[in-house]
PDB file of N, CA and C in Angstrom:
ATOM      1  N   MET A   1       0.861  -1.174   0.000  1.00  0.00           N
ATOM      2  CA  MET A   1       0.000   0.000   0.000  1.00  0.00           C
ATOM      3  C   MET A   1       0.906   1.236   0.000  1.00  0.00           C
ATOM      4  N   ASP A   2       0.633   2.139  -0.927  1.00  0.00           N
ATOM      5  CA  ASP A   2       1.467   3.337  -0.964  1.00  0.00           C
ATOM      6  C   ASP A   2       1.089   4.283   0.181  1.00  0.00           C
ATOM      7  N   LYS A   3       1.937   5.248   0.430  1.00  0.00           N
ATOM      8  CA  LYS A   3       1.790   6.123   1.596  1.00  0.00           C
ATOM      9  C   LYS A   3       0.509   6.945   1.551  1.00  0.00           C
ATOM     10  N   LEU A   4       0.148   7.426   0.371  1.00  0.00           N
ATOM     11  CA  LEU A   4      -1.063   8.234   0.267  1.00  0.00           C
ATOM     12  C   LEU A   4      -2.304   7.395   0.549  1.00  0.00           C
ATOM     13  N   LYS A   5      -2.358   6.198   0.006  1.00  0.00           N
ATOM     14  CA  LYS A   5      -3.504   5.320   0.266  1.00  0.00           C
ATOM     15  C   LYS A   5      -3.568   4.939   1.746  1.00  0.00           C
ATOM     16  N   LYS A   6      -2.417   4.687   2.336  1.00  0.00           N
ATOM     17  CA  LYS A   6      -2.375   4.357   3.760  1.00  0.00           C
ATOM     18  C   LYS A   6      -2.909   5.523   4.581  1.00  0.00           C
ATOM     19  N   PHE A   7      -2.484   6.739   4.245  1.00  0.00           N
ATOM     20  CA  PHE A   7      -2.956   7.910   4.975  1.00  0.00           C
ATOM     21  C   PHE A   7      -4.461   8.089   4.809  1.00  0.00           C
ATOM     22  N   GLU A   8      -4.964   7.907   3.609  1.00  0.00           N
ATOM     23  CA  GLU A   8      -6.405   8.044   3.373  1.00  0.00           C
ATOM     24  C   GLU A   8      -7.189   7.011   4.184  1.00  0.00           C
ATOM     25  N   LEU A   9      -6.659   5.802   4.299  1.00  0.00           N
ATOM     26  CA  LEU A   9      -7.310   4.780   5.117  1.00  0.00           C
ATOM     27  C   LEU A   9      -7.262   5.175   6.596  1.00  0.00           C
ATOM     28  N   MET A  10      -6.156   5.728   7.013  1.00  0.00           N
ATOM     29  CA  MET A  10      -6.047   6.188   8.395  1.00  0.00           C
ATOM     30  C   MET A  10      -7.058   7.297   8.677  1.00  0.00           C
ATOM     31  N   GLU A  11      -7.214   8.230   7.743  1.00  0.00           N
ATOM     32  CA  GLU A  11      -8.214   9.295   7.894  1.00  0.00           C
ATOM     33  C   GLU A  11      -9.625   8.714   7.983  1.00  0.00           C
ATOM     34  N   LYS A  12      -9.896   7.715   7.174  1.00  0.00           N
ATOM     35  CA  LYS A  12     -11.211   7.065   7.193  1.00  0.00           C
ATOM     36  C   LYS A  12     -11.468   6.436   8.564  1.00  0.00           C
ATOM     37  N   ILE A  13     -10.461   5.782   9.122  1.00  0.00           N
ATOM     38  CA  ILE A  13     -10.607   5.166  10.431  1.00  0.00           C
ATOM     39  C   ILE A  13     -10.846   6.227  11.500  1.00  0.00           C
ATOM     40  N   VAL A  14     -10.159   7.355  11.411  1.00  0.00           N
ATOM     41  CA  VAL A  14     -10.390   8.447  12.360  1.00  0.00           C
ATOM     42  C   VAL A  14     -11.847   8.907  12.280  1.00  0.00           C
ATOM     43  N   ARG A  15     -12.362   9.072  11.068  1.00  0.00           N
ATOM     44  CA  ARG A  15     -13.769   9.481  10.907  1.00  0.00           C
ATOM     45  C   ARG A  15     -14.717   8.437  11.495  1.00  0.00           C
ATOM     46  N   GLU A  16     -14.415   7.170  11.278  1.00  0.00           N
ATOM     47  CA  GLU A  16     -15.263   6.106  11.817  1.00  0.00           C
ATOM     48  C   GLU A  16     -15.223   6.085  13.340  1.00  0.00           C
ATOM     49  N   LEU A  17     -14.049   6.311  13.918  1.00  0.00           N
ATOM     50  CA  LEU A  17     -13.945   6.376  15.374  1.00  0.00           C
ATOM     51  C   LEU A  17     -14.699   7.588  15.924  1.00  0.00           C
ATOM     52  N   GLU A  18     -14.649   8.714  15.210  1.00  0.00           N
ATOM     53  CA  GLU A  18     -15.410   9.892  15.623  1.00  0.00           C
ATOM     54  C   GLU A  18     -16.904   9.586  15.603  1.00  0.00           C
ATOM     55  N   ASP A  19     -17.355   8.889  14.566  1.00  0.00           N
ATOM     56  CA  ASP A  19     -18.763   8.502  14.462  1.00  0.00           C
ATOM     57  C   ASP A  19     -19.138   7.541  15.592  1.00  0.00           C
ATOM     58  N   LEU A  20     -18.264   6.619  15.883  1.00  0.00           N
ATOM     59  CA  LEU A  20     -18.500   5.683  16.969  1.00  0.00           C
ATOM     60  C   LEU A  20     -18.599   6.415  18.306  1.00  0.00           C
ATOM     61  N   LYS A  21     -17.745   7.396  18.504  1.00  0.00           N
ATOM     62  CA  LYS A  21     -17.788   8.195  19.728  1.00  0.00           C
ATOM     63  C   LYS A  21     -19.129   8.928  19.852  1.00  0.00           C
ATOM     64  N   ARG A  22     -19.574   9.533  18.748  1.00  0.00           N
ATOM     65  CA  ARG A  22     -20.879  10.227  18.769  1.00  0.00           C
ATOM     66  C   ARG A  22     -22.014   9.237  19.053  1.00  0.00           C
ATOM     67  N   SER A  23     -21.926   8.057  18.484  1.00  0.00           N
ATOM     68  CA  SER A  23     -22.954   7.043  18.712  1.00  0.00           C
ATOM     69  C   SER A  23     -23.000   6.634  20.179  1.00  0.00           C
ATOM     70  N   GLN A  24     -21.848   6.450  20.788  1.00  0.00           N
ATOM     71  CA  GLN A  24     -21.792   6.095  22.199  1.00  0.00           C
ATOM     72  C   GLN A  24     -22.389   7.211  23.056  1.00  0.00           C
ATOM     73  N   GLN A  25     -22.106   8.459  22.697  1.00  0.00           N
ATOM     74  CA  GLN A  25     -22.671   9.585  23.436  1.00  0.00           C
ATOM     75  C   GLN A  25     -24.190   9.586  23.332  1.00  0.00           C
ATOM     76  N   ALA A  26     -24.701   9.256  22.150  1.00  0.00           N
ATOM     77  CA  ALA A  26     -26.153   9.201  21.959  1.00  0.00           C
ATOM     78  C   ALA A  26     -26.759   8.075  22.798  1.00  0.00           C
ATOM     79  N   VAL A  27     -26.082   6.944  22.866  1.00  0.00           N
ATOM     80  CA  VAL A  27     -26.572   5.833  23.686  1.00  0.00           C
ATOM     81  C   VAL A  27     -26.612   6.250  25.154  1.00  0.00           C
ATOM     82  N   LEU A  28     -25.571   6.919  25.618  1.00  0.00           N
ATOM     83  CA  LEU A  28     -25.553   7.385  27.006  1.00  0.00           C
ATOM     84  C   LEU A  28     -26.714   8.335  27.291  1.00  0.00           C
ATOM     85  N   GLU A  29     -26.985   9.229  26.354  1.00  0.00           N
ATOM     86  CA  GLU A  29     -28.103  10.162  26.528  1.00  0.00           C
ATOM     87  C   GLU A  29     -29.428   9.415  26.601  1.00  0.00           C
ATOM     88  N   LYS A  30     -29.596   8.409  25.750  1.00  0.00           N
ATOM     89  CA  LYS A  30     -30.850   7.644  25.752  1.00  0.00           C
ATOM     90  C   LYS A  30     -31.020   6.858  27.038  1.00  0.00           C
ATOM     91  N   ILE A  31     -29.939   6.277  27.523  1.00  0.00           N
ATOM     92  CA  ILE A  31     -30.013   5.560  28.794  1.00  0.00           C
ATOM     93  C   ILE A  31     -30.405   6.529  29.906  1.00  0.00           C
ATOM     94  N   GLY A  32     -29.797   7.709  29.897  1.00  0.00           N
ATOM     95  CA  GLY A  32     -30.137   8.729  30.892  1.00  0.00           C
ATOM     96  C   GLY A  32     -31.605   9.120  30.838  1.00  0.00           C
ATOM     97  N   LYS A  33     -32.149   9.243  29.639  1.00  0.00           N
ATOM     98  CA  LYS A  33     -33.567   9.594  29.493  1.00  0.00           C
ATOM     99  C   LYS A  33     -34.462   8.490  30.043  1.00  0.00           C
ATOM    100  N   VAL A  34     -34.092   7.242  29.779  1.00  0.00           N
ATOM    101  CA  VAL A  34     -34.883   6.127  30.301  1.00  0.00           C
ATOM    102  C   VAL A  34     -34.823   6.129  31.832  1.00  0.00           C
ATOM    103  N   GLU A  35     -33.632   6.397  32.382  1.00  0.00           N
ATOM    104  CA  GLU A  35     -33.501   6.460  33.840  1.00  0.00           C
ATOM    105  C   GLU A  35     -34.386   7.564  34.423  1.00  0.00           C
ATOM    106  N   VAL A  36     -34.411   8.716  33.778  1.00  0.00           N
ATOM    107  CA  VAL A  36     -35.242   9.825  34.247  1.00  0.00           C
ATOM    108  C   VAL A  36     -36.720   9.450  34.151  1.00  0.00           C
ATOM    109  N   ASP A  37     -37.124   8.859  33.033  1.00  0.00           N
ATOM    110  CA  ASP A  37     -38.521   8.435  32.883  1.00  0.00           C
ATOM    111  C   ASP A  37     -38.892   7.389  33.933  1.00  0.00           C
ATOM    112  N   ASN A  38     -37.927   6.556  34.275  1.00  0.00           N
ATOM    113  CA  ASN A  38     -38.215   5.512  35.256  1.00  0.00           C
ATOM    114  C   ASN A  38     -38.349   6.069  36.671  1.00  0.00           C
ATOM    115  N   ILE A  39     -37.868   7.260  36.906  1.00  0.00           N
ATOM    116  CA  ILE A  39     -38.070   7.868  38.224  1.00  0.00           C
ATOM    117  C   ILE A  39     -39.566   7.960  38.504  1.00  0.00           C
ATOM    118  N   GLU A  40     -40.324   8.344  37.487  1.00  0.00           N
ATOM    119  CA  GLU A  40     -41.777   8.418  37.622  1.00  0.00           C
ATOM    120  C   GLU A  40     -42.406   7.034  37.667  1.00  0.00           C
ATOM    121  N   LEU A  41     -41.901   6.142  36.816  1.00  0.00           N
ATOM    122  CA  LEU A  41     -42.494   4.811  36.715  1.00  0.00           C
ATOM    123  C   LEU A  41     -42.129   3.932  37.905  1.00  0.00           C
ATOM    124  N   GLY A  42     -40.877   3.936  38.278  1.00  0.00           N
ATOM    125  CA  GLY A  42     -40.445   3.171  39.439  1.00  0.00           C
ATOM    126  C   GLY A  42     -40.274   1.681  39.209  1.00  0.00           C
ATOM    127  N   ASP A  43     -39.929   1.283  37.997  1.00  0.00           N
ATOM    128  CA  ASP A  43     -39.700  -0.134  37.724  1.00  0.00           C
ATOM    129  C   ASP A  43     -38.370  -0.566  38.352  1.00  0.00           C
ATOM    130  N   SER A  44     -38.431  -1.564  39.229  1.00  0.00           N
ATOM    131  CA  SER A  44     -37.235  -1.967  39.971  1.00  0.00           C
ATOM    132  C   SER A  44     -36.178  -2.615  39.078  1.00  0.00           C
ATOM    133  N   ARG A  45     -36.610  -3.333  38.071  1.00  0.00           N
ATOM    134  CA  ARG A  45     -35.630  -3.965  37.176  1.00  0.00           C
ATOM    135  C   ARG A  45     -34.851  -2.898  36.406  1.00  0.00           C
ATOM    136  N   LEU A  46     -35.561  -1.927  35.839  1.00  0.00           N
ATOM    137  CA  LEU A  46     -34.875  -0.829  35.152  1.00  0.00           C
ATOM    138  C   LEU A  46     -33.943  -0.103  36.111  1.00  0.00           C
ATOM    139  N   GLU A  47     -34.433   0.122  37.324  1.00  0.00           N
ATOM    140  CA  GLU A  47     -33.651   0.838  38.320  1.00  0.00           C
ATOM    141  C   GLU A  47     -32.357   0.108  38.688  1.00  0.00           C
ATOM    142  N   SER A  48     -32.396  -1.209  38.678  1.00  0.00           N
ATOM    143  CA  SER A  48     -31.201  -1.954  39.070  1.00  0.00           C
ATOM    144  C   SER A  48     -30.255  -2.217  37.902  1.00  0.00           C
ATOM    145  N   VAL A  49     -30.776  -2.354  36.690  1.00  0.00           N
ATOM    146  CA  VAL A  49     -29.942  -2.739  35.549  1.00  0.00           C
ATOM    147  C   VAL A  49     -29.371  -1.541  34.791  1.00  0.00           C
ATOM    148  N   LEU A  50     -30.145  -0.489  34.625  1.00  0.00           N
ATOM    149  CA  LEU A  50     -29.708   0.641  33.810  1.00  0.00           C
ATOM    150  C   LEU A  50     -28.411   1.299  34.282  1.00  0.00           C
ATOM    151  N   PRO A  51     -28.200   1.487  35.576  1.00  0.00           N
ATOM    152  CA  PRO A  51     -26.927   2.099  35.981  1.00  0.00           C
ATOM    153  C   PRO A  51     -25.705   1.278  35.550  1.00  0.00           C
ATOM    154  N   ASN A  52     -25.817  -0.023  35.595  1.00  0.00           N
ATOM    155  CA  ASN A  52     -24.707  -0.880  35.151  1.00  0.00           C
ATOM    156  C   ASN A  52     -24.481  -0.749  33.648  1.00  0.00           C
ATOM    157  N   ILE A  53     -25.559  -0.719  32.893  1.00  0.00           N
ATOM    158  CA  ILE A  53     -25.441  -0.544  31.442  1.00  0.00           C
ATOM    159  C   ILE A  53     -24.824   0.814  31.142  1.00  0.00           C
ATOM    160  N   TYR A  54     -25.278   1.828  31.858  1.00  0.00           N
ATOM    161  CA  TYR A  54     -24.746   3.176  31.655  1.00  0.00           C
ATOM    162  C   TYR A  54     -23.239   3.192  31.937  1.00  0.00           C
ATOM    163  N   GLN A  55     -22.818   2.578  33.041  1.00  0.00           N
ATOM    164  CA  GLN A  55     -21.408   2.596  33.415  1.00  0.00           C
ATOM    165  C   GLN A  55     -20.547   1.871  32.388  1.00  0.00           C
ATOM    166  N   ARG A  56     -21.003   0.710  31.922  1.00  0.00           N
ATOM    167  CA  ARG A  56     -20.234  -0.028  30.911  1.00  0.00           C
ATOM    168  C   ARG A  56     -20.147   0.767  29.617  1.00  0.00           C
ATOM    169  N   THR A  57     -21.242   1.401  29.248  1.00  0.00           N
ATOM    170  CA  THR A  57     -21.246   2.218  28.035  1.00  0.00           C
ATOM    171  C   THR A  57     -20.325   3.420  28.197  1.00  0.00           C
ATOM    172  N   ALA A  58     -20.347   4.048  29.364  1.00  0.00           N
ATOM    173  CA  ALA A  58     -19.457   5.187  29.629  1.00  0.00           C
ATOM    174  C   ALA A  58     -17.997   4.749  29.582  1.00  0.00           C
ATOM    175  N   ASP A  59     -17.706   3.565  30.131  1.00  0.00           N
ATOM    176  CA  ASP A  59     -16.339   3.042  30.070  1.00  0.00           C
ATOM    177  C   ASP A  59     -15.912   2.806  28.627  1.00  0.00           C
ATOM    178  N   ASN A  60     -16.803   2.236  27.828  1.00  0.00           N
ATOM    179  CA  ASN A  60     -16.508   2.025  26.406  1.00  0.00           C
ATOM    180  C   ASN A  60     -16.309   3.344  25.687  1.00  0.00           C
ATOM    181  N   SER A  61     -17.130   4.318  26.020  1.00  0.00           N
ATOM    182  CA  SER A  61     -17.007   5.634  25.404  1.00  0.00           C
ATOM    183  C   SER A  61     -15.646   6.250  25.731  1.00  0.00           C
ATOM    184  N   ASP A  62     -15.218   6.112  26.983  1.00  0.00           N
ATOM    185  CA  ASP A  62     -13.901   6.627  27.372  1.00  0.00           C
ATOM    186  C   ASP A  62     -12.787   5.920  26.598  1.00  0.00           C
ATOM    187  N   ALA A  63     -12.908   4.604  26.443  1.00  0.00           N
ATOM    188  CA  ALA A  63     -11.896   3.839  25.713  1.00  0.00           C
ATOM    189  C   ALA A  63     -11.853   4.265  24.245  1.00  0.00           C
ATOM    190  N   ILE A  64     -13.021   4.501  23.660  1.00  0.00           N
ATOM    191  CA  ILE A  64     -13.086   4.942  22.266  1.00  0.00           C
ATOM    192  C   ILE A  64     -12.443   6.316  22.131  1.00  0.00           C
ATOM    193  N   THR A  65     -12.714   7.203  23.065  1.00  0.00           N
ATOM    194  CA  THR A  65     -12.130   8.549  23.042  1.00  0.00           C
ATOM    195  C   THR A  65     -10.608   8.481  23.124  1.00  0.00           C
ATOM    196  N   GLU A  66     -10.107   7.659  24.035  1.00  0.00           N
ATOM    197  CA  GLU A  66      -8.653   7.506  24.158  1.00  0.00           C
ATOM    198  C   GLU A  66      -8.045   6.954  22.874  1.00  0.00           C
ATOM    199  N   LEU A  67      -8.691   5.942  22.307  1.00  0.00           N
ATOM    200  CA  LEU A  67      -8.206   5.350  21.065  1.00  0.00           C
ATOM    201  C   LEU A  67      -8.245   6.365  19.931  1.00  0.00           C
ATOM    202  N   LEU A  68      -9.337   7.104  19.824  1.00  0.00           N
ATOM    203  CA  LEU A  68      -9.471   8.120  18.789  1.00  0.00           C
ATOM    204  C   LEU A  68      -8.365   9.163  18.901  1.00  0.00           C
ATOM    205  N   GLU A  69      -8.124   9.668  20.099  1.00  0.00           N
ATOM    206  CA  GLU A  69      -7.097  10.687  20.281  1.00  0.00           C
ATOM    207  C   GLU A  69      -5.719  10.163  19.903  1.00  0.00           C
ATOM    208  N   ALA A  70      -5.403   8.948  20.336  1.00  0.00           N
ATOM    209  CA  ALA A  70      -4.094   8.371  20.029  1.00  0.00           C
ATOM    210  C   ALA A  70      -3.951   8.097  18.535  1.00  0.00           C
ATOM    211  N   PHE A  71      -5.000   7.549  17.918  1.00  0.00           N
ATOM    212  CA  PHE A  71      -4.909   7.225  16.497  1.00  0.00           C
ATOM    213  C   PHE A  71      -4.896   8.480  15.641  1.00  0.00           C
ATOM    214  N   ALA A  72      -5.639   9.505  16.041  1.00  0.00           N
ATOM    215  CA  ALA A  72      -5.618  10.778  15.304  1.00  0.00           C
ATOM    216  C   ALA A  72      -4.221  11.392  15.359  1.00  0.00           C
ATOM    217  N   GLU A  73      -3.575  11.281  16.507  1.00  0.00           N
ATOM    218  CA  GLU A  73      -2.214  11.788  16.633  1.00  0.00           C
ATOM    219  C   GLU A  73      -1.260  10.989  15.740  1.00  0.00           C
ATOM    220  N   THR A  74      -1.410   9.685  15.730  1.00  0.00           N
ATOM    221  CA  THR A  74      -0.595   8.822  14.862  1.00  0.00           C
ATOM    222  C   THR A  74      -0.796   9.197  13.399  1.00  0.00           C
ATOM    223  N   THR A  75      -2.040   9.466  13.040  1.00  0.00           N
ATOM    224  CA  THR A  75      -2.365   9.845  11.667  1.00  0.00           C
ATOM    225  C   THR A  75      -1.693  11.160  11.294  1.00  0.00           C
ATOM    226  N   GLU A  76      -1.744  12.137  12.189  1.00  0.00           N
ATOM    227  CA  GLU A  76      -1.107  13.430  11.928  1.00  0.00           C
ATOM    228  C   GLU A  76       0.413  13.285  11.832  1.00  0.00           C
ATOM    229  N   GLU A  77       0.988  12.449  12.673  1.00  0.00           N
ATOM    230  CA  GLU A  77       2.435  12.214  12.606  1.00  0.00           C
ATOM    231  C   GLU A  77       2.808  11.550  11.284  1.00  0.00           C
ATOM    232  N   PHE A  78       1.991  10.591  10.856  1.00  0.00           N
ATOM    233  CA  PHE A  78       2.237   9.934   9.575  1.00  0.00           C
ATOM    234  C   PHE A  78       2.178  10.953   8.443  1.00  0.00           C
ATOM    235  N   LYS A  79       1.187  11.851   8.516  1.00  0.00           N
ATOM    236  CA  LYS A  79       1.035  12.891   7.495  1.00  0.00           C
ATOM    237  C   LYS A  79       2.277  13.769   7.428  1.00  0.00           C
ATOM    238  N   ALA A  80       2.754  14.196   8.578  1.00  0.00           N
ATOM    239  CA  ALA A  80       3.929  15.072   8.620  1.00  0.00           C
ATOM    240  C   ALA A  80       5.192  14.337   8.178  1.00  0.00           C
ATOM    241  N   ASN A  81       5.370  13.122   8.639  1.00  0.00           N
ATOM    242  CA  ASN A  81       6.592  12.367   8.341  1.00  0.00           C
ATOM    243  C   ASN A  81       6.691  11.905   6.894  1.00  0.00           C
ATOM    244  N   ASN A  82       5.553  11.855   6.211  1.00  0.00           N
ATOM    245  CA  ASN A  82       5.535  11.332   4.846  1.00  0.00           C
ATOM    246  C   ASN A  82       5.134  12.372   3.807  1.00  0.00           C
ATOM    247  N   ASN A  83       5.127  13.638   4.191  1.00  0.00           N
ATOM    248  CA  ASN A  83       4.809  14.723   3.256  1.00  0.00           C
ATOM    249  C   ASN A  83       3.547  14.436   2.431  1.00  0.00           C
ATOM    250  N   VAL A  84       2.488  14.099   3.125  1.00  0.00           N
ATOM    251  CA  VAL A  84       1.255  13.711   2.448  1.00  0.00           C
ATOM    252  C   VAL A  84       0.706  14.834   1.572  1.00  0.00           C
ATOM    253  N   ASP A  85       0.796  16.070   2.031  1.00  0.00           N
ATOM    254  CA  ASP A  85       0.299  17.181   1.211  1.00  0.00           C
ATOM    255  C   ASP A  85       1.033  17.240  -0.127  1.00  0.00           C
ATOM    256  N   GLN A  86       2.331  17.034  -0.081  1.00  0.00           N
ATOM    257  CA  GLN A  86       3.122  17.027  -1.321  1.00  0.00           C
ATOM    258  C   GLN A  86       2.745  15.829  -2.196  1.00  0.00           C
ATOM    259  N   LEU A  87       2.516  14.688  -1.587  1.00  0.00           N
ATOM    260  CA  LEU A  87       2.095  13.513  -2.355  1.00  0.00           C
ATOM    261  C   LEU A  87       0.760  13.758  -3.049  1.00  0.00           C
ATOM    262  N   ARG A  88      -0.147  14.438  -2.362  1.00  0.00           N
ATOM    263  CA  ARG A  88      -1.454  14.758  -2.958  1.00  0.00           C
ATOM    264  C   ARG A  88      -1.290  15.702  -4.150  1.00  0.00           C
ATOM    265  N   GLN A  89      -0.411  16.688  -4.003  1.00  0.00           N
ATOM    266  CA  GLN A  89      -0.156  17.622  -5.111  1.00  0.00           C
ATOM    267  C   GLN A  89       0.415  16.884  -6.310  1.00  0.00           C
ATOM    268  N   GLN A  90       1.351  15.989  -6.073  1.00  0.00           N
ATOM    269  CA  GLN A  90       1.949  15.220  -7.153  1.00  0.00           C
ATOM    270  C   GLN A  90       0.913  14.332  -7.852  1.00  0.00           C
ATOM    271  N   GLN A  91       0.013  13.794  -7.055  1.00  0.00           N
ATOM    272  CA  GLN A  91      -1.022  12.930  -7.622  1.00  0.00           C
ATOM    273  C   GLN A  91      -1.959  13.722  -8.536  1.00  0.00           C
ATOM    274  N   GLN A  92      -2.230  14.967  -8.168  1.00  0.00           N
ATOM    275  CA  GLN A  92      -3.141  15.802  -8.958  1.00  0.00           C
ATOM    276  C   GLN A  92      -2.530  16.225 -10.280  1.00  0.00           C
ATOM    277  N   LEU A  93      -1.208  16.210 -10.368  1.00  0.00           N
ATOM    278  CA  LEU A  93      -0.545  16.622 -11.609  1.00  0.00           C
ATOM    279  C   LEU A  93      -0.604  15.559 -12.606  1.00  0.00           C
TER     280      LEU A  93
END
């Protein structure tokens, strides 16, 4: 795989990780809404299970964020070390 294609794949993965992070945030919000709605309802099963689901999801979200930050940094370093902007210019010619 040439350097430009590798970089483009790395950028794609960064975008996918960003999307995954947003999805996890949306799941956390939905769990929170169900917990709030259950305050009125008072279902004991929801009350006992939802906090655990929320915590596991929050832990996953944190792991995704850490991975995204590290991989985005790796991607930027690859871009700088391999003159990706120059490679793109050459490709356009």
